Amino acid sequence: MMQKAYFHNNKSISESKGQKINIPLKYTDQKRVVDINRLLNRVRIEKKNETKRKIIFYSSTILALGFFLNLVITIN
């Protein structure tokens, strides 16, 4: 089985039934200025949001179990 698409010299070349299509891609070696404080703040915010999601999930699970047990107890 022959490979239909391959990557060479920052160009993606796709072969389809004998036709070659060259697709130029962005250069990945461009330098950008990165603010470390923004990155650290983003990590802190994501960690805080993850903690909130865990608390909501566990509390809703406990609440659902409580309702289910209350239903089972009142039926008997």
Protein backbone atom coordinates (compact mmCIF):
# COMPACT_ATOMS: atom_id res chain seq x y z
CA MET A 1 0.00 0.00 0.00
CA MET A 2 1.53 3.32 -1.03
CA GLN A 3 1.49 6.40 1.11
CA LYS A 4 -1.02 9.00 -0.14
CA ALA A 5 0.43 12.10 1.57
CA TYR A 6 3.86 13.00 2.88
CA PHE A 7 5.67 15.98 4.40
CA HIS A 8 8.99 17.30 3.05
CA ASN A 9 10.77 20.67 3.34
CA ASN A 10 7.83 22.36 5.12
CA LYS A 11 5.43 21.34 2.34
CA SER A 12 2.68 18.80 2.50
CA ILE A 13 2.45 16.85 -0.74
CA SER A 14 -0.62 14.78 -1.42
CA GLU A 15 -0.78 12.15 -4.13
CA SER A 16 -4.15 11.22 -5.48
CA LYS A 17 -4.32 8.97 -8.56
CA GLY A 18 -1.08 10.27 -10.00
CA GLN A 19 -1.74 13.95 -9.25
CA LYS A 20 0.57 15.88 -6.95
CA ILE A 21 -0.74 18.82 -4.97
CA ASN A 22 1.76 21.01 -3.12
CA ILE A 23 0.34 22.72 -0.07
CA PRO A 24 2.70 25.26 1.54
CA LEU A 25 2.58 25.36 5.31
CA LYS A 26 3.50 28.07 7.79
CA TYR A 27 7.04 28.09 8.99
CA THR A 28 7.18 26.78 12.53
CA ASP A 29 10.53 28.31 13.39
CA GLN A 30 9.22 31.87 13.76
CA LYS A 31 10.15 33.37 17.11
CA ARG A 32 7.43 34.86 19.30
CA VAL A 33 7.68 36.77 22.53
CA VAL A 34 6.03 34.82 25.35
CA ASP A 35 5.02 36.41 28.63
CA ILE A 36 5.67 33.87 31.38
CA ASN A 37 3.27 35.62 33.77
CA ARG A 38 0.37 35.12 31.36
CA LEU A 39 1.22 31.45 31.03
CA LEU A 40 1.43 30.97 34.79
CA ASN A 41 -1.85 32.82 35.32
CA ARG A 42 -3.52 30.62 32.70
CA VAL A 43 -2.27 27.50 34.48
CA ARG A 44 -3.56 28.80 37.84
CA ILE A 45 -6.98 29.61 36.37
CA GLU A 46 -7.22 26.19 34.67
CA LYS A 47 -6.28 24.47 37.93
CA LYS A 48 -8.91 26.47 39.82
CA ASN A 49 -11.56 25.63 37.22
CA GLU A 50 -10.63 21.95 37.35
CA THR A 51 -11.01 21.99 41.15
CA LYS A 52 -14.43 23.63 40.81
CA ARG A 53 -15.53 21.00 38.28
CA LYS A 54 -14.41 18.20 40.61
CA ILE A 55 -16.28 19.71 43.57
CA ILE A 56 -19.46 20.10 41.50
CA PHE A 57 -19.20 16.55 40.16
CA TYR A 58 -18.64 14.97 43.57
CA SER A 59 -21.35 17.02 45.26
CA SER A 60 -23.88 16.19 42.53
CA THR A 61 -22.95 12.49 42.82
CA ILE A 62 -23.46 12.56 46.59
CA LEU A 63 -26.73 14.44 46.15
CA ALA A 64 -28.01 11.90 43.60
CA LEU A 65 -27.05 9.01 45.89
CA GLY A 66 -28.81 10.74 48.78
CA PHE A 67 -32.01 11.14 46.76
CA PHE A 68 -31.84 7.53 45.60
CA LEU A 69 -31.33 6.22 49.15
CA ASN A 70 -34.12 8.46 50.44
CA LEU A 71 -36.42 7.07 47.74
CA VAL A 72 -35.50 3.48 48.57
CA ILE A 73 -36.03 4.06 52.31
CA THR A 74 -39.41 5.76 51.88
CA ILE A 75 -40.72 3.02 49.55
CA ASN A 76 -39.95 0.26 52.08
